[in-house]
Amino acid sequence: MFKTLTTGLINQDPTLTLSCISIMPKLKSHRGAKKRFKLTATGKIKRKRAYLRHLLAAKSKRQKRALRKPGYVFKGEAKTIRTLISV
């Protein structure tokens, strides 16, 4: 929003420069979220599944094998995570 607003102002008044127009600063990405989530080529957010850190002797081979596959973030949470990883 701010980019289109500032470029529109500069185009209307050539005496204005970028130094006299305030532009919102960019957000830094959340480093913890950046390490935990990856963006796929189709735009989905990939995550690692839980329950694979301890008490593994009680879990079956089939369950542990299924937990190695990646999980995907739900649409409701994807918007929040996109802002955290600054995409």
C-alpha atoms as a PDB file:
ATOM      1  CA  MET A   1       0.000   0.000   0.000  1.00  0.00           C
ATOM      2  CA  PHE A   2       2.712   2.426   0.931  1.00  0.00           C
ATOM      3  CA  LYS A   3       4.712   1.823  -2.254  1.00  0.00           C
ATOM      4  CA  THR A   4       1.799   2.677  -4.526  1.00  0.00           C
ATOM      5  CA  LEU A   5       0.943   5.669  -2.350  1.00  0.00           C
ATOM      6  CA  THR A   6       4.472   7.077  -2.460  1.00  0.00           C
ATOM      7  CA  THR A   7       4.980   6.484  -6.180  1.00  0.00           C
ATOM      8  CA  GLY A   8       1.633   8.130  -6.851  1.00  0.00           C
ATOM      9  CA  LEU A   9       2.682  11.168  -4.823  1.00  0.00           C
ATOM     10  CA  ILE A  10       6.025  11.432  -6.587  1.00  0.00           C
ATOM     11  CA  ASN A  11       4.375  11.176 -10.002  1.00  0.00           C
ATOM     12  CA  GLN A  12       1.923  13.954  -9.109  1.00  0.00           C
ATOM     13  CA  ASP A  13       4.486  16.353  -7.630  1.00  0.00           C
ATOM     14  CA  PRO A  14       8.016  16.112  -9.082  1.00  0.00           C
ATOM     15  CA  THR A  15       9.439  18.322  -6.297  1.00  0.00           C
ATOM     16  CA  LEU A  16       8.826  15.570  -3.725  1.00  0.00           C
ATOM     17  CA  THR A  17      11.690  13.182  -3.076  1.00  0.00           C
ATOM     18  CA  LEU A  18      11.757   9.846  -1.285  1.00  0.00           C
ATOM     19  CA  SER A  19      13.560  11.423   1.676  1.00  0.00           C
ATOM     20  CA  CYS A  20      10.588  13.617   2.581  1.00  0.00           C
ATOM     21  CA  ILE A  21       8.008  10.787   2.326  1.00  0.00           C
ATOM     22  CA  SER A  22       7.917   8.321   5.193  1.00  0.00           C
ATOM     23  CA  ILE A  23       7.922   4.650   4.158  1.00  0.00           C
ATOM     24  CA  MET A  24       7.073   1.926   6.643  1.00  0.00           C
ATOM     25  CA  PRO A  25      10.084  -0.237   7.593  1.00  0.00           C
ATOM     26  CA  LYS A  26      10.229  -3.848   6.520  1.00  0.00           C
ATOM     27  CA  LEU A  27       9.525  -6.517   9.135  1.00  0.00           C
ATOM     28  CA  LYS A  28      12.324  -8.845  10.167  1.00  0.00           C
ATOM     29  CA  SER A  29      11.565 -12.521   9.753  1.00  0.00           C
ATOM     30  CA  HIS A  30      11.079 -14.618  12.882  1.00  0.00           C
ATOM     31  CA  ARG A  31      14.242 -16.709  13.015  1.00  0.00           C
ATOM     32  CA  GLY A  32      12.609 -19.609  14.886  1.00  0.00           C
ATOM     33  CA  ALA A  33       9.768 -19.829  12.365  1.00  0.00           C
ATOM     34  CA  LYS A  34      12.205 -19.503   9.458  1.00  0.00           C
ATOM     35  CA  LYS A  35      14.017 -22.637  10.666  1.00  0.00           C
ATOM     36  CA  ARG A  36      10.832 -24.647  11.283  1.00  0.00           C
ATOM     37  CA  PHE A  37       8.817 -23.935   8.143  1.00  0.00           C
ATOM     38  CA  LYS A  38       9.637 -24.143   4.437  1.00  0.00           C
ATOM     39  CA  LEU A  39       7.646 -22.842   1.501  1.00  0.00           C
ATOM     40  CA  THR A  40       6.879 -25.328  -1.303  1.00  0.00           C
ATOM     41  CA  ALA A  41       6.819 -24.459  -5.008  1.00  0.00           C
ATOM     42  CA  THR A  42       3.007 -24.486  -4.990  1.00  0.00           C
ATOM     43  CA  GLY A  43       2.883 -22.011  -2.086  1.00  0.00           C
ATOM     44  CA  LYS A  44       2.027 -24.423   0.723  1.00  0.00           C
ATOM     45  CA  ILE A  45       3.919 -24.253   4.004  1.00  0.00           C
ATOM     46  CA  LYS A  46       5.688 -27.458   4.971  1.00  0.00           C
ATOM     47  CA  ARG A  47       6.394 -28.420   8.588  1.00  0.00           C
ATOM     48  CA  LYS A  48       7.865 -31.326  10.537  1.00  0.00           C
ATOM     49  CA  ARG A  49       5.529 -33.681  12.371  1.00  0.00           C
ATOM     50  CA  ALA A  50       5.529 -34.068  16.157  1.00  0.00           C
ATOM     51  CA  TYR A  51       5.851 -37.192  18.352  1.00  0.00           C
ATOM     52  CA  LEU A  52       9.198 -38.360  17.016  1.00  0.00           C
ATOM     53  CA  ARG A  53      11.590 -37.176  19.751  1.00  0.00           C
ATOM     54  CA  HIS A  54      11.269 -39.601  22.671  1.00  0.00           C
ATOM     55  CA  LEU A  55       9.441 -42.760  23.801  1.00  0.00           C
ATOM     56  CA  LEU A  56      10.100 -44.253  20.371  1.00  0.00           C
ATOM     57  CA  ALA A  57      10.267 -47.848  21.616  1.00  0.00           C
ATOM     58  CA  ALA A  58       6.534 -47.743  22.359  1.00  0.00           C
ATOM     59  CA  LYS A  59       5.661 -46.591  18.831  1.00  0.00           C
ATOM     60  CA  SER A  60       5.358 -49.019  15.946  1.00  0.00           C
ATOM     61  CA  LYS A  61       7.623 -48.932  12.896  1.00  0.00           C
ATOM     62  CA  ARG A  62       4.665 -47.989  10.742  1.00  0.00           C
ATOM     63  CA  GLN A  63       3.810 -45.018  12.969  1.00  0.00           C
ATOM     64  CA  LYS A  64       7.412 -43.773  13.047  1.00  0.00           C
ATOM     65  CA  ARG A  65       7.707 -44.151   9.272  1.00  0.00           C
ATOM     66  CA  ALA A  66       4.509 -42.155   8.752  1.00  0.00           C
ATOM     67  CA  LEU A  67       5.740 -39.411  11.100  1.00  0.00           C
ATOM     68  CA  ARG A  68       8.862 -38.921   8.954  1.00  0.00           C
ATOM     69  CA  LYS A  69       6.711 -37.602   6.114  1.00  0.00           C
ATOM     70  CA  PRO A  70       6.219 -33.821   6.063  1.00  0.00           C
ATOM     71  CA  GLY A  71       3.070 -32.197   7.337  1.00  0.00           C
ATOM     72  CA  TYR A  72       1.432 -29.089   5.897  1.00  0.00           C
ATOM     73  CA  VAL A  73       0.142 -26.080   7.784  1.00  0.00           C
ATOM     74  CA  PHE A  74      -3.608 -25.444   7.737  1.00  0.00           C
ATOM     75  CA  LYS A  75      -4.902 -22.454   5.774  1.00  0.00           C
ATOM     76  CA  GLY A  76      -5.976 -20.592   8.906  1.00  0.00           C
ATOM     77  CA  GLU A  77      -2.485 -20.679  10.397  1.00  0.00           C
ATOM     78  CA  ALA A  78      -0.690 -20.219   7.062  1.00  0.00           C
ATOM     79  CA  LYS A  79      -1.413 -16.486   6.945  1.00  0.00           C
ATOM     80  CA  THR A  80       0.206 -15.939  10.350  1.00  0.00           C
ATOM     81  CA  ILE A  81       3.243 -18.044   9.479  1.00  0.00           C
ATOM     82  CA  ARG A  82       3.708 -16.235   6.157  1.00  0.00           C
ATOM     83  CA  THR A  83       4.059 -12.957   8.036  1.00  0.00           C
ATOM     84  CA  LEU A  84       6.516 -14.560  10.469  1.00  0.00           C
ATOM     85  CA  ILE A  85       8.770 -15.894   7.729  1.00  0.00           C
ATOM     86  CA  SER A  86       8.294 -12.664   5.720  1.00  0.00           C
ATOM     87  CA  VAL A  87       7.052 -14.103   2.447  1.00  0.00           C
END
